[in-house]
Amino acid sequence: MKRRLLSFLLFTFLLFPICNAFAHHPDNSLLYLRVYENANIEGDFHINVNELNDVLGFNLSQHTSIEEITPHLNKIKAYLLKNTSFSYQNKAYSIVFTDEIDFLWVTYGDFIILDFYLENTEMTPDELDVTYKVFIEEEPHHMNLLGIAYNWKAGLINNEKNIALNFSNNDWNKTLSLKEGSIWTGFNAMIKQGIWHIWIGIDHILFIIALILPAVVRRRINITEGAQSSSKFNIWSWEPVDKFKPAFLYIVKIITFFTIAHTITLSLASLQIIELPSQFVESIIAFSIGLAAYHNIKPIFKGRDWVIAFVFGLFHGFGFASVLGELGFNGEHLTLSLLGFNIGVEIGQLAIIAAIFPLLFLIRKLKLYPKFLVYLSVLLIIISLYWLIERAFDIDLPLDDYIRKYGFEFAVWLGLR
């Protein structure tokens, strides 16, 4: 289900224009394959509800449900089996449906998603002869599309954008090559995924921002008049660092501890040595933003800012591990995948720091910087509490959808996707 959620977000916020124009179109049926090493090839049928109504004579509603679909499942599966086949060197592979059923809504209506796997494909064939004529004979204008959602060596990770084959009237038999790709291609793809997922991980970005805000200033303690040893803390008492080097070393130390921490838990979770509930992990990640921001206003770990980066970095690592699962990753080329993804995350983090830190250093001497630091930290606390409520109580507040939507659009505008 997590993979489906990510798929839904990708289609809704990022690929929506492409899907409307080409992929999830009322006259298209889609087929996505996931190619693994030493495991059966898996796949999904994406079937439009309107087509089922027109061709198979159903009366399914616009926003159908599992209860409404269930009585028709056997007929739908039989129709798909009749009009779809996979083979290699005259050896036919049986399509075996799983029990997983999901739905995807786009402008043109619902798509029913049926999972399957190809039996006896543990040894990946060099190519597949594919017949995919679903709805084409009944509606000659209909077109079917096939894409590779996952193929590590081909560098295809969570791909639902690039279509490999299309099938049309009297042209519904095609050959799909599975030979292309290399270890380097897969490794490079994991680096790109790491970069992309730190950039779309708004909670990770905000945590990093909270950590680096104090990098260009130092706390100044005001000694209370008439007292020799007592001190009074003032949230506005900040003074700029004189030189670049101390500020830079602060950033290096903080991000190093954060990196070490999330690398440890990303590896442990990917190896299934330690697993934590996703809701708990995501809630702690939200909380970490607020705590780091509060520490900027009133210090919790005096002189030990790295503690926050390390302790909560452990939970951010579990968050990154869940991303790998959502990408379709099943443990193949584990060492290279973890290394590539981690390198990508670090590149993404460095890009964030490179964009923000020079600006902070330039404005550090302005009188408004202490207010900027405090007010921005307060805003981060508010965002943190908002997400914490959402995640801890498993509710969907509307503002988050707007942030995600325009965040994606901004990333695309910058050319990051």
Protein backbone atom coordinates (compact mmCIF):
# COMPACT_ATOMS: atom_id res chain seq x y z
CA MET A 1 0.00 0.00 0.00
CA LYS A 2 2.90 2.38 0.67
CA ARG A 3 4.09 1.84 -2.89
CA ARG A 4 0.62 2.70 -4.12
CA LEU A 5 0.55 5.86 -2.02
CA LEU A 6 3.83 7.03 -3.52
CA SER A 7 2.53 6.14 -6.96
CA PHE A 8 -0.59 8.20 -6.34
CA LEU A 9 1.44 11.21 -5.19
CA LEU A 10 3.72 10.97 -8.21
CA PHE A 11 0.81 10.90 -10.62
CA THR A 12 -1.14 13.62 -8.84
CA PHE A 13 1.58 16.17 -8.19
CA LEU A 14 4.37 15.49 -10.66
CA LEU A 15 3.32 13.43 -13.63
CA PHE A 16 -0.25 14.67 -13.87
CA PRO A 17 0.20 16.60 -17.13
CA ILE A 18 2.06 13.69 -18.73
CA CYS A 19 -0.50 11.15 -17.56
CA ASN A 20 -3.36 13.22 -18.89
CA ALA A 21 -1.71 13.60 -22.27
CA PHE A 22 -0.34 10.12 -22.74
CA ALA A 23 -0.51 7.53 -19.99
CA HIS A 24 -3.68 7.45 -17.90
CA HIS A 25 -5.98 8.41 -20.72
CA PRO A 26 -9.53 7.07 -21.14
CA ASP A 27 -8.44 5.21 -24.28
CA ASN A 28 -5.37 3.63 -22.68
CA SER A 29 -4.83 0.52 -20.58
CA LEU A 30 -1.47 0.31 -18.85
CA LEU A 31 0.82 -2.48 -17.82
CA TYR A 32 3.84 -1.93 -15.56
CA LEU A 33 6.50 -4.57 -14.92
CA ARG A 34 9.02 -4.83 -12.07
CA VAL A 35 12.08 -6.87 -12.99
CA TYR A 36 14.09 -8.38 -10.13
CA GLU A 37 17.10 -10.65 -10.04
CA ASN A 38 16.49 -14.11 -8.60
CA ALA A 39 12.80 -13.37 -8.14
CA ASN A 40 9.73 -13.56 -10.32
CA ILE A 41 8.91 -10.59 -12.56
CA GLU A 42 6.00 -8.70 -11.03
CA GLY A 43 3.49 -6.36 -12.63
CA ASP A 44 0.33 -4.28 -12.42
CA PHE A 45 -2.61 -3.91 -14.77
CA HIS A 46 -4.11 -0.39 -14.78
CA ILE A 47 -7.62 -0.75 -16.22
CA ASN A 48 -10.05 2.14 -16.73
CA VAL A 49 -13.44 1.65 -15.10
CA ASN A 50 -15.27 3.24 -18.06
CA GLU A 51 -13.72 0.66 -20.40
CA LEU A 52 -14.89 -2.16 -18.16
CA ASN A 53 -18.40 -0.74 -18.25
CA ASP A 54 -18.39 -0.35 -22.03
CA VAL A 55 -16.73 -3.63 -23.04
CA LEU A 56 -17.73 -6.04 -20.27
CA GLY A 57 -21.16 -4.57 -19.62
CA PHE A 58 -20.62 -3.57 -16.00
CA ASN A 59 -22.30 -0.65 -14.27
CA LEU A 60 -19.50 0.47 -11.98
CA SER A 61 -19.75 3.91 -10.42
CA GLN A 62 -17.31 6.73 -11.16
CA HIS A 63 -15.50 6.31 -7.83
CA THR A 64 -15.77 2.59 -7.42
CA SER A 65 -14.79 0.56 -4.38
CA ILE A 66 -13.41 -2.88 -3.57
CA GLU A 67 -16.90 -3.97 -2.51
CA GLU A 68 -18.35 -2.99 -5.88
CA ILE A 69 -15.50 -4.58 -7.84
CA THR A 70 -15.32 -7.91 -5.97
CA PRO A 71 -18.34 -9.61 -7.66
CA HIS A 72 -16.76 -8.88 -11.07
CA LEU A 73 -13.15 -9.80 -10.28
CA ASN A 74 -13.19 -13.27 -11.79
CA LYS A 75 -14.64 -11.99 -15.06
CA ILE A 76 -12.11 -9.11 -15.19
CA LYS A 77 -9.17 -11.44 -14.55
CA ALA A 78 -10.38 -13.96 -17.12
CA TYR A 79 -10.66 -11.20 -19.73
CA LEU A 80 -7.14 -9.93 -18.97
CA LEU A 81 -5.69 -13.46 -19.18
CA LYS A 82 -7.41 -14.02 -22.50
CA ASN A 83 -5.96 -10.84 -24.01
CA THR A 84 -2.48 -10.74 -22.45
CA SER A 85 0.45 -13.12 -22.69
CA PHE A 86 4.21 -13.26 -22.01
CA SER A 87 6.68 -15.73 -23.49
CA TYR A 88 10.35 -16.24 -24.34
CA GLN A 89 11.64 -18.66 -26.99
CA ASN A 90 8.17 -20.21 -27.25
CA LYS A 91 8.00 -20.76 -23.48
CA ALA A 92 4.84 -19.16 -22.10
CA TYR A 93 4.86 -17.66 -18.60
CA SER A 94 1.70 -17.97 -16.54
CA ILE A 95 0.18 -14.76 -15.17
CA VAL A 96 -0.66 -15.29 -11.50
CA PHE A 97 -2.82 -12.64 -9.85
CA THR A 98 -2.19 -11.67 -6.23
CA ASP A 99 -4.85 -10.49 -3.78
CA GLU A 100 -3.71 -6.86 -3.91
CA ILE A 101 -6.16 -4.46 -5.55
CA ASP A 102 -5.89 -0.67 -5.57
CA PHE A 103 -7.43 2.31 -7.29
CA LEU A 104 -6.02 5.41 -8.96
CA TRP A 105 -8.18 8.44 -9.67
CA VAL A 106 -7.34 10.88 -12.45
CA THR A 107 -9.41 13.43 -14.33
CA TYR A 108 -10.83 10.83 -16.67
CA GLY A 109 -12.04 8.51 -13.90
CA ASP A 110 -10.90 5.54 -11.87
CA PHE A 111 -8.24 3.03 -12.84
CA ILE A 112 -8.37 -0.36 -11.13
CA ILE A 113 -4.89 -1.71 -10.35
CA LEU A 114 -4.47 -5.48 -10.24
CA ASP A 115 -1.15 -7.00 -9.12
CA PHE A 116 0.35 -10.15 -10.64
CA TYR A 117 3.61 -12.01 -11.16
CA LEU A 118 4.96 -14.15 -13.99
CA GLU A 119 5.53 -17.69 -12.83
CA ASN A 120 9.00 -19.26 -13.27
CA THR A 121 10.81 -16.03 -14.16
CA GLU A 122 13.37 -16.16 -11.34
CA MET A 123 15.99 -16.41 -14.08
CA THR A 124 15.26 -13.21 -15.93
CA PRO A 125 14.90 -13.84 -19.69
CA ASP A 126 16.80 -11.67 -22.17
CA GLU A 127 13.53 -10.50 -23.64
CA LEU A 128 9.79 -11.02 -23.47
CA ASP A 129 7.37 -11.53 -26.33
CA VAL A 130 4.30 -9.65 -25.18
CA THR A 131 0.74 -9.71 -26.45
CA TYR A 132 -1.43 -7.00 -24.93
CA LYS A 133 -4.72 -6.45 -26.78
CA VAL A 134 -7.03 -5.60 -23.89
CA PHE A 135 -10.06 -3.65 -25.26
CA ILE A 136 -8.37 -3.12 -28.66
CA GLU A 137 -10.45 -5.60 -30.66
CA GLU A 138 -13.67 -4.20 -29.19
CA GLU A 139 -12.55 -0.57 -29.58
CA PRO A 140 -10.02 -0.24 -32.46
CA HIS A 141 -9.02 3.30 -31.44
CA HIS A 142 -7.85 2.00 -28.07
CA MET A 143 -4.09 1.97 -27.26
CA ASN A 144 -2.28 -0.05 -24.60
CA LEU A 145 1.00 0.97 -22.97
CA LEU A 146 3.71 -1.02 -21.22
CA GLY A 147 6.33 0.45 -18.93
CA ILE A 148 9.13 -0.91 -16.73
CA ALA A 149 8.43 0.42 -13.25
CA TYR A 150 11.52 -1.21 -11.73
CA ASN A 151 14.69 -2.67 -13.22
CA TRP A 152 17.76 -1.92 -11.10
CA LYS A 153 20.40 -2.57 -13.75
CA ALA A 154 18.51 -0.54 -16.32
CA GLY A 155 18.44 2.37 -13.89
CA LEU A 156 14.64 2.33 -13.69
CA ILE A 157 13.53 2.94 -10.12
CA ASN A 158 9.87 3.73 -9.43
CA ASN A 159 9.46 4.66 -13.09
CA GLU A 160 5.91 5.31 -14.21
CA LYS A 161 6.75 8.04 -16.70
CA ASN A 162 8.75 6.45 -19.51
CA ILE A 163 6.76 4.00 -21.64
CA ALA A 164 8.68 1.13 -23.27
CA LEU A 165 6.06 -0.27 -25.69
CA ASN A 166 2.70 0.73 -27.09
CA PHE A 167 0.11 -1.60 -28.58
CA SER A 168 -2.60 -0.60 -31.07
CA ASN A 169 -5.06 -2.16 -33.48
CA ASN A 170 -3.44 -5.03 -35.44
CA ASP A 171 -0.15 -4.25 -33.68
CA TRP A 172 -0.58 -5.87 -30.30
CA ASN A 173 2.40 -8.26 -30.39
CA LYS A 174 5.72 -6.70 -29.35
CA THR A 175 9.12 -7.79 -28.01
CA LEU A 176 10.49 -6.22 -24.85
CA SER A 177 14.26 -6.34 -24.33
CA LEU A 178 15.48 -6.92 -20.76
CA LYS A 179 19.20 -7.16 -21.60
CA GLU A 180 20.05 -3.48 -21.45
CA GLY A 181 21.66 -2.08 -18.32
CA SER A 182 24.68 -2.47 -16.09
CA ILE A 183 25.80 -2.29 -12.47
CA TRP A 184 26.96 1.29 -13.02
CA THR A 185 23.57 2.29 -14.46
CA GLY A 186 21.76 0.92 -11.42
CA PHE A 187 24.24 2.51 -9.01
CA ASN A 188 23.88 5.87 -10.75
CA ALA A 189 20.09 5.58 -10.58
CA MET A 190 20.25 5.04 -6.81
CA ILE A 191 22.38 8.18 -6.45
CA LYS A 192 19.75 10.14 -8.35
CA GLN A 193 17.01 8.67 -6.16
CA GLY A 194 18.90 9.75 -3.03
CA ILE A 195 19.25 13.31 -4.35
CA TRP A 196 15.62 13.46 -5.38
CA HIS A 197 14.25 12.09 -2.14
CA ILE A 198 16.16 14.50 0.08
CA TRP A 199 14.79 17.29 -2.09
CA ILE A 200 11.16 16.15 -1.91
CA GLY A 201 11.54 15.26 1.79
CA ILE A 202 10.37 18.61 3.10
CA ASP A 203 10.62 17.39 6.68
CA HIS A 204 14.28 16.42 6.19
CA ILE A 205 15.02 19.81 4.61
CA LEU A 206 13.38 21.71 7.45
CA PHE A 207 15.32 19.68 10.02
CA ILE A 208 18.59 20.59 8.27
CA ILE A 209 17.56 24.26 8.15
CA ALA A 210 16.81 24.22 11.87
CA LEU A 211 20.26 22.75 12.52
CA ILE A 212 22.24 25.24 10.43
CA LEU A 213 20.43 28.48 11.36
CA PRO A 214 22.76 29.11 14.35
CA ALA A 215 25.91 28.31 12.34
CA VAL A 216 26.85 31.94 11.67
CA VAL A 217 26.15 33.31 15.15
CA ARG A 218 27.01 32.44 18.74
CA ARG A 219 24.95 32.78 21.89
CA ARG A 220 25.84 35.70 24.13
CA ILE A 221 25.00 35.42 27.83
CA ASN A 222 24.05 38.69 29.50
CA ILE A 223 25.40 39.00 33.03
CA THR A 224 22.75 40.31 35.41
CA GLU A 225 23.67 43.62 37.01
CA GLY A 226 24.84 43.33 40.59
CA ALA A 227 25.56 39.63 40.32
CA GLN A 228 28.94 38.02 39.89
CA SER A 229 28.00 34.48 38.91
CA SER A 230 24.35 34.50 37.93
CA SER A 231 23.30 34.90 34.31
CA LYS A 232 20.11 35.66 32.49
CA PHE A 233 19.28 34.04 29.18
CA ASN A 234 17.97 36.30 26.41
CA ILE A 235 16.59 34.78 23.20
CA TRP A 236 17.73 37.83 21.21
CA SER A 237 21.31 37.73 22.49
CA TRP A 238 23.23 36.50 19.49
CA GLU A 239 26.49 37.79 18.08
CA PRO A 240 27.89 37.05 14.60
CA VAL A 241 30.96 34.92 14.11
CA ASP A 242 33.94 36.90 12.85
CA LYS A 243 35.33 34.36 10.43
CA PHE A 244 34.04 31.88 7.91
CA LYS A 245 35.99 28.91 9.27
CA PRO A 246 34.25 28.51 12.68
CA ALA A 247 30.85 28.64 11.05
CA PHE A 248 31.88 26.17 8.38
CA LEU A 249 33.33 23.76 10.96
CA TYR A 250 30.07 23.95 12.89
CA ILE A 251 28.15 22.90 9.79
CA VAL A 252 30.62 20.09 9.06
CA LYS A 253 30.32 18.72 12.59
CA ILE A 254 26.53 18.85 12.72
CA ILE A 255 25.96 17.33 9.27
CA THR A 256 28.61 14.66 9.91
CA PHE A 257 26.78 13.44 13.00
CA PHE A 258 23.46 13.56 11.13
CA THR A 259 24.97 11.57 8.25
CA ILE A 260 26.53 8.93 10.51
CA ALA A 261 23.25 8.46 12.33
CA HIS A 262 20.94 8.08 9.33
CA THR A 263 23.48 5.84 7.56
CA ILE A 264 23.45 3.44 10.52
CA THR A 265 19.68 3.08 10.70
CA LEU A 266 19.18 3.09 6.93
CA SER A 267 21.49 0.08 6.74
CA LEU A 268 19.95 -1.70 9.73
CA ALA A 269 16.42 -1.20 8.45
CA SER A 270 17.32 -2.25 4.88
CA LEU A 271 18.90 -5.42 6.25
CA GLN A 272 15.72 -5.95 8.31
CA ILE A 273 17.77 -6.12 11.50
CA ILE A 274 15.69 -3.37 13.12
CA GLU A 275 12.22 -2.35 12.00
CA LEU A 276 10.05 0.36 13.54
CA PRO A 277 6.42 1.25 12.78
CA SER A 278 6.26 3.86 10.02
CA GLN A 279 3.72 6.02 11.88
CA PHE A 280 6.01 6.20 14.92
CA VAL A 281 9.08 7.03 12.81
CA GLU A 282 7.32 9.76 10.84
CA SER A 283 5.93 11.27 14.03
CA ILE A 284 9.40 11.42 15.58
CA ILE A 285 10.79 13.02 12.43
CA ALA A 286 8.13 15.72 12.65
CA PHE A 287 8.93 16.21 16.35
CA SER A 288 12.65 16.50 15.57
CA ILE A 289 12.08 19.65 13.53
CA GLY A 290 10.31 21.37 16.40
CA LEU A 291 12.88 20.31 18.98
CA ALA A 292 15.81 21.49 16.85
CA ALA A 293 14.02 24.80 16.27
CA TYR A 294 13.20 25.20 19.98
CA HIS A 295 16.86 24.57 20.78
CA ASN A 296 17.65 27.64 18.67
CA ILE A 297 15.40 29.74 20.91
CA LYS A 298 16.29 28.21 24.25
CA PRO A 299 19.23 25.78 24.39
CA ILE A 300 18.45 22.26 25.54
CA PHE A 301 21.85 20.67 25.01
CA LYS A 302 24.20 23.56 25.78
CA GLY A 303 27.36 23.22 23.73
CA ARG A 304 26.21 19.86 22.38
CA ASP A 305 24.10 20.74 19.37
CA TRP A 306 25.40 17.59 17.65
CA VAL A 307 23.30 15.48 20.04
CA ILE A 308 20.09 16.57 18.31
CA ALA A 309 21.57 15.90 14.88
CA PHE A 310 22.74 12.41 15.85
CA VAL A 311 19.80 11.18 17.93
CA PHE A 312 17.11 12.31 15.53
CA GLY A 313 19.28 11.45 12.54
CA LEU A 314 18.74 7.84 13.58
CA PHE A 315 15.00 8.22 13.00
CA HIS A 316 15.52 10.06 9.72
CA GLY A 317 17.49 6.99 8.60
CA PHE A 318 14.44 4.80 9.22
CA GLY A 319 12.47 7.29 7.13
CA PHE A 320 14.94 6.93 4.26
CA ALA A 321 14.67 3.15 4.54
CA SER A 322 10.91 3.30 4.04
CA VAL A 323 11.56 5.24 0.83
CA LEU A 324 13.61 2.34 -0.54
CA GLY A 325 10.67 0.03 0.08
CA GLU A 326 8.31 2.42 -1.68
CA LEU A 327 10.65 2.53 -4.69
CA GLY A 328 10.16 -1.22 -5.20
CA PHE A 329 13.59 -2.10 -3.80
CA ASN A 330 13.67 -5.73 -2.63
CA GLY A 331 17.27 -6.12 -1.46
CA GLU A 332 19.10 -6.86 -4.71
CA HIS A 333 22.57 -5.29 -4.99
CA LEU A 334 22.09 -4.21 -1.39
CA THR A 335 25.56 -2.76 -0.77
CA LEU A 336 25.62 -0.73 -3.98
CA SER A 337 22.03 0.42 -3.49
CA LEU A 338 22.67 1.66 0.05
CA LEU A 339 25.93 3.29 -0.97
CA GLY A 340 24.41 4.97 -4.00
CA PHE A 341 21.32 6.16 -2.13
CA ASN A 342 23.47 7.51 0.74
CA ILE A 343 25.75 9.33 -1.68
CA GLY A 344 22.70 10.87 -3.29
CA VAL A 345 21.32 11.97 0.06
CA GLU A 346 24.66 13.59 0.94
CA ILE A 347 24.82 15.37 -2.41
CA GLY A 348 21.29 16.63 -1.81
CA GLN A 349 22.19 17.81 1.68
CA LEU A 350 25.30 19.59 0.40
CA ALA A 351 23.22 21.31 -2.26
CA ILE A 352 20.83 22.56 0.43
CA ILE A 353 23.71 23.83 2.56
CA ALA A 354 25.45 25.40 -0.44
CA ALA A 355 22.26 27.29 -1.26
CA ILE A 356 21.51 28.48 2.29
CA PHE A 357 24.77 28.82 4.22
CA PRO A 358 26.46 31.56 2.11
CA LEU A 359 23.33 33.68 2.41
CA LEU A 360 23.23 33.22 6.18
CA PHE A 361 26.90 34.16 6.43
CA LEU A 362 26.31 37.34 4.42
CA ILE A 363 23.43 38.57 6.59
CA ARG A 364 24.79 37.39 9.96
CA LYS A 365 25.84 40.91 11.04
CA LEU A 366 22.49 42.53 10.34
CA LYS A 367 20.59 43.58 13.45
CA LEU A 368 17.57 41.68 12.24
CA TYR A 369 19.36 38.31 12.11
CA PRO A 370 18.54 37.33 15.73
CA LYS A 371 14.87 38.09 15.05
CA PHE A 372 15.06 36.21 11.74
CA LEU A 373 16.53 33.19 13.54
CA VAL A 374 13.94 33.23 16.32
CA TYR A 375 10.89 33.92 14.15
CA LEU A 376 11.88 31.29 11.60
CA SER A 377 12.43 28.81 14.43
CA VAL A 378 8.95 29.58 15.75
CA LEU A 379 7.53 28.93 12.27
CA LEU A 380 9.38 25.60 12.17
CA ILE A 381 7.90 24.68 15.54
CA ILE A 382 4.40 25.40 14.24
CA ILE A 383 4.99 23.29 11.13
CA SER A 384 6.44 20.53 13.31
CA LEU A 385 3.37 20.47 15.56
CA TYR A 386 1.07 20.43 12.53
CA TRP A 387 2.81 17.38 11.06
CA LEU A 388 3.09 15.71 14.46
CA ILE A 389 -0.68 15.93 14.94
CA GLU A 390 -1.26 14.57 11.43
CA ARG A 391 1.12 11.66 11.79
CA ALA A 392 0.57 10.69 15.40
CA PHE A 393 -3.22 10.66 15.08
CA ASP A 394 -3.28 9.51 11.45
CA ILE A 395 -5.41 12.38 10.17
CA ASP A 396 -5.13 14.43 6.99
CA LEU A 397 -5.16 18.20 7.50
CA PRO A 398 -5.65 20.19 4.26
CA LEU A 399 -2.72 22.60 4.44
CA ASP A 400 -0.17 19.80 3.95
CA ASP A 401 -1.59 19.03 0.50
CA TYR A 402 -1.04 22.60 -0.65
CA ILE A 403 2.53 22.62 0.65
CA ARG A 404 3.30 19.34 -1.11
CA LYS A 405 1.71 20.45 -4.37
CA TYR A 406 3.50 23.76 -4.68
CA GLY A 407 6.73 22.27 -3.35
CA PHE A 408 6.72 19.76 -6.21
CA GLU A 409 5.90 22.46 -8.74
CA PHE A 410 8.76 24.62 -7.43
CA ALA A 411 11.18 21.68 -7.66
CA VAL A 412 10.11 21.02 -11.24
CA TRP A 413 10.47 24.73 -12.07
CA LEU A 414 14.03 24.61 -10.73
CA GLY A 415 14.74 21.69 -13.03
CA LEU A 416 15.25 19.25 -10.15
CA ARG A 417 12.77 16.77 -11.64
